[in-house]
C-alpha cells in the first residue's frame, strides 16, 4: 500500500524502518500511552517478525486486519511514525491508531496521515465510519483526532478493568463518518 499526500508518504513497513521504529517506541509519550510497543521491543531486531508479517499483507485491503503503516516525509524516506487500523475486539469496531516521533510533532503530520488513511479505508471498504479511542489523559492525541475530522462521541469509563495501555480510568471515543457522495 502507498498513499501520497502533500507532505507525506504512507507505505508498508520495511526492515529498514526497524532502527527508527525502535527509537520512537521508546520515546516518553509512546511509552506512556502505547507501552505494549516498547515493553515487547528490547532491540530493533525484535521488530523482524512484525515487519515481515506486514510485508505478507501488503496487498491486502482488508481494513479489519490489524495493520500499521510507515509515515515518512515525502522528501526523505525516513520513518517518522506509524498509522494504522484494524478490528478492535474490546469495542467490536474498526479502530484507527497512530504515533509520531516527538521530533516531528506539532507540524500536522499525524493529522495529515490519519486523514489520508481514513480516506483510503473508506475507498476500499463499505464501513460507514471508523473510530479512535484515546486515553483521557492524552490531550495532544485528542487534538489530532479533532483536526482530522473525528467527532467526540462519548467519554467512556472502564469498570473493574483497565484498557490496555491506559493511564487513566476513562477514554474518549471518537467517530468519523464517511462523506456522503452526491
Protein backbone atom coordinates (compact mmCIF):
# COMPACT_ATOMS: atom_id res chain seq x y z
CA UNK A 1 0.00 0.00 0.00
CA UNK A 2 1.19 3.51 -0.77
CA UNK A 3 -0.59 6.81 -0.20
CA UNK A 4 0.95 10.17 -1.07
CA UNK A 5 -0.23 13.42 0.49
CA UNK A 6 1.09 16.92 0.08
CA UNK A 7 3.97 16.30 2.51
CA UNK A 8 3.93 12.60 3.37
CA UNK A 9 4.14 9.08 2.04
CA UNK A 10 2.25 6.36 3.89
CA UNK A 11 3.66 2.99 2.91
CA UNK A 12 4.19 -0.55 4.08
CA UNK A 13 6.65 -1.06 6.91
CA UNK A 14 10.03 -2.39 5.78
CA UNK A 15 13.05 -3.84 7.57
CA UNK A 16 14.94 -0.57 7.01
CA UNK A 17 12.42 1.09 9.38
CA UNK A 18 13.36 -1.02 12.41
CA UNK A 19 16.02 1.28 13.94
CA UNK A 20 13.80 4.33 13.70
CA UNK A 21 10.72 2.43 14.90
CA UNK A 22 12.69 1.20 17.90
CA UNK A 23 13.79 4.78 18.69
CA UNK A 24 10.21 6.07 18.50
CA UNK A 25 8.56 3.39 20.62
CA UNK A 26 10.90 4.22 23.49
CA UNK A 27 10.02 7.92 23.48
CA UNK A 28 8.27 9.24 26.57
CA UNK A 29 4.69 9.63 25.29
CA UNK A 30 4.70 6.45 23.20
CA UNK A 31 5.78 4.52 26.29
CA UNK A 32 3.20 6.43 28.32
CA UNK A 33 0.19 5.72 26.09
CA UNK A 34 1.26 2.72 23.96
CA UNK A 35 3.66 0.86 26.22
CA UNK A 36 2.97 -2.51 24.63
CA UNK A 37 5.14 -1.35 21.72
CA UNK A 38 8.15 -0.72 23.97
CA UNK A 39 7.70 -3.47 26.53
CA UNK A 40 7.75 -6.06 23.74
CA UNK A 41 10.69 -4.46 21.90
CA UNK A 42 14.03 -4.88 23.68
CA UNK A 43 16.01 -4.13 20.47
CA UNK A 44 15.42 -3.11 16.82
CA UNK A 45 15.60 -6.74 15.68
CA UNK A 46 12.58 -7.54 17.82
CA UNK A 47 10.51 -5.97 15.01
CA UNK A 48 11.71 -8.56 12.43
CA UNK A 49 8.64 -10.80 12.67
CA UNK A 50 6.28 -7.84 12.90
CA UNK A 51 7.67 -6.16 9.78
CA UNK A 52 7.89 -9.47 7.91
CA UNK A 53 4.22 -10.22 8.68
CA UNK A 54 3.22 -6.78 7.41
CA UNK A 55 5.14 -7.48 4.20
CA UNK A 56 3.00 -10.60 3.65
CA UNK A 57 -0.11 -8.38 3.99
CA UNK A 58 1.00 -5.52 1.73
CA UNK A 59 -1.55 -6.27 -0.99
CA UNK A 60 -4.42 -6.69 1.45
CA UNK A 61 -7.18 -4.09 1.54
CA UNK A 62 -8.97 -5.73 4.47
CA UNK A 63 -9.44 -2.87 6.95
CA UNK A 64 -10.49 -5.37 9.65
CA UNK A 65 -6.96 -6.83 9.65
CA UNK A 66 -4.78 -5.07 12.22
CA UNK A 67 -2.16 -3.26 10.15
CA UNK A 68 0.28 -0.42 10.71
CA UNK A 69 1.93 1.63 8.01
CA UNK A 70 5.04 3.77 7.95
CA UNK A 71 4.63 7.54 7.86
CA UNK A 72 7.56 9.14 6.02
CA UNK A 73 8.28 12.64 4.78
CA UNK A 74 7.83 12.91 1.03
CA UNK A 75 11.33 14.31 0.53
CA UNK A 76 13.08 11.75 2.78
CA UNK A 77 12.17 8.08 3.12
CA UNK A 78 12.74 8.03 6.88
CA UNK A 79 10.09 6.68 9.24
CA UNK A 80 8.63 9.46 11.41
CA UNK A 81 5.70 7.48 12.80
CA UNK A 82 3.03 4.92 12.11
CA UNK A 83 -0.67 4.99 11.30
CA UNK A 84 -2.99 2.04 11.02
CA UNK A 85 -6.30 0.40 11.59
CA UNK A 86 -7.91 -2.88 12.47
CA UNK A 87 -10.76 -4.58 14.26
CA UNK A 88 -10.59 -3.91 18.00
CA UNK A 89 -12.06 -6.80 19.99
CA UNK A 90 -12.88 -4.77 23.11
CA UNK A 91 -15.16 -2.34 21.25
CA UNK A 92 -16.04 -4.61 18.30
CA UNK A 93 -15.36 -1.91 15.70
CA UNK A 94 -12.62 -0.93 13.27
CA UNK A 95 -10.33 1.46 15.07
CA UNK A 96 -7.54 3.69 13.79
CA UNK A 97 -4.27 4.33 15.63
CA UNK A 98 -1.16 6.44 15.21
CA UNK A 99 2.01 7.69 16.86
CA UNK A 100 4.68 10.09 15.75
CA UNK A 101 8.34 10.72 16.54
CA UNK A 102 8.42 13.58 19.07
CA UNK A 103 10.83 15.48 16.79
CA UNK A 104 8.06 15.74 14.17
CA UNK A 105 5.12 16.52 16.45
CA UNK A 106 3.34 19.84 16.18
CA UNK A 107 3.56 20.14 12.37
CA UNK A 108 0.26 18.49 11.47
CA UNK A 109 1.85 15.29 10.16
CA UNK A 110 -0.23 12.95 12.34
CA UNK A 111 -3.42 14.73 11.28
CA UNK A 112 -2.44 14.54 7.61
CA UNK A 113 -1.59 10.84 7.84
CA UNK A 114 -4.77 10.00 9.77
CA UNK A 115 -6.96 11.81 7.24
CA UNK A 116 -5.25 10.14 4.27
CA UNK A 117 -5.55 6.63 5.72
CA UNK A 118 -9.17 7.25 6.70
CA UNK A 119 -9.97 8.25 3.08
CA UNK A 120 -8.18 5.15 1.77
CA UNK A 121 -10.12 2.92 4.18
CA UNK A 122 -13.41 4.44 3.05
CA UNK A 123 -12.43 3.87 -0.61
CA UNK A 124 -11.63 0.17 -0.11
CA UNK A 125 -14.38 -0.78 2.34
CA UNK A 126 -18.09 -0.43 2.94
CA UNK A 127 -17.68 0.86 6.50
CA UNK A 128 -19.90 3.78 7.46
CA UNK A 129 -17.40 5.12 9.99
CA UNK A 130 -14.17 4.46 11.84
CA UNK A 131 -13.30 5.14 15.46
CA UNK A 132 -10.47 6.31 17.66
CA UNK A 133 -10.21 5.57 21.36
CA UNK A 134 -7.91 7.93 23.22
CA UNK A 135 -6.91 7.92 26.86
CA UNK A 136 -8.47 10.97 28.53
CA UNK A 137 -5.00 11.99 29.70
CA UNK A 138 -3.72 12.24 26.11
CA UNK A 139 -4.69 15.82 25.21
CA UNK A 140 -2.35 16.05 22.21
CA UNK A 141 -3.86 12.97 20.58
CA UNK A 142 -7.37 14.35 21.11
CA UNK A 143 -6.36 17.49 19.21
CA UNK A 144 -5.06 15.38 16.32
CA UNK A 145 -8.35 13.45 16.21
CA UNK A 146 -10.43 16.62 16.13
CA UNK A 147 -8.26 18.28 13.46
CA UNK A 148 -8.64 15.11 11.36
CA UNK A 149 -12.44 15.46 11.49
CA UNK A 150 -13.23 12.89 14.17
CA UNK A 151 -16.02 13.93 16.49
CA UNK A 152 -16.12 13.15 20.16
CA UNK A 153 -18.95 10.68 20.56
CA UNK A 154 -18.68 9.94 24.25
CA UNK A 155 -16.43 9.59 27.26
CA UNK A 156 -16.22 6.00 28.44
CA UNK A 157 -15.19 4.67 31.83
CA UNK A 158 -13.70 1.27 32.42
CA UNK A 159 -15.37 -0.82 35.10
CA UNK A 160 -13.35 -3.38 37.05
CA UNK A 161 -10.58 -3.38 34.45
CA UNK A 162 -8.24 -1.09 32.60
CA UNK A 163 -7.96 -0.98 28.85
CA UNK A 164 -4.51 -1.98 27.60
CA UNK A 165 -2.12 0.98 27.57
CA UNK A 166 -4.40 3.26 29.57
CA UNK A 167 -3.06 5.69 32.09
CA UNK A 168 -6.44 6.93 33.32
CA UNK A 169 -9.68 5.08 34.03
CA UNK A 170 -11.51 6.64 31.09
CA UNK A 171 -11.09 7.19 27.38
CA UNK A 172 -12.64 9.32 24.69
CA UNK A 173 -14.47 7.53 21.92
CA UNK A 174 -14.34 9.40 18.60
CA UNK A 175 -16.09 8.63 15.33
CA UNK A 176 -15.66 9.87 11.80
CA UNK A 177 -18.29 9.03 9.23
CA UNK A 178 -17.73 8.53 5.54
CA UNK A 179 -18.72 11.51 3.42
CA UNK A 180 -22.00 11.17 1.61
CA UNK A 181 -21.30 11.22 -2.13
CA UNK A 182 -23.89 13.04 -4.18
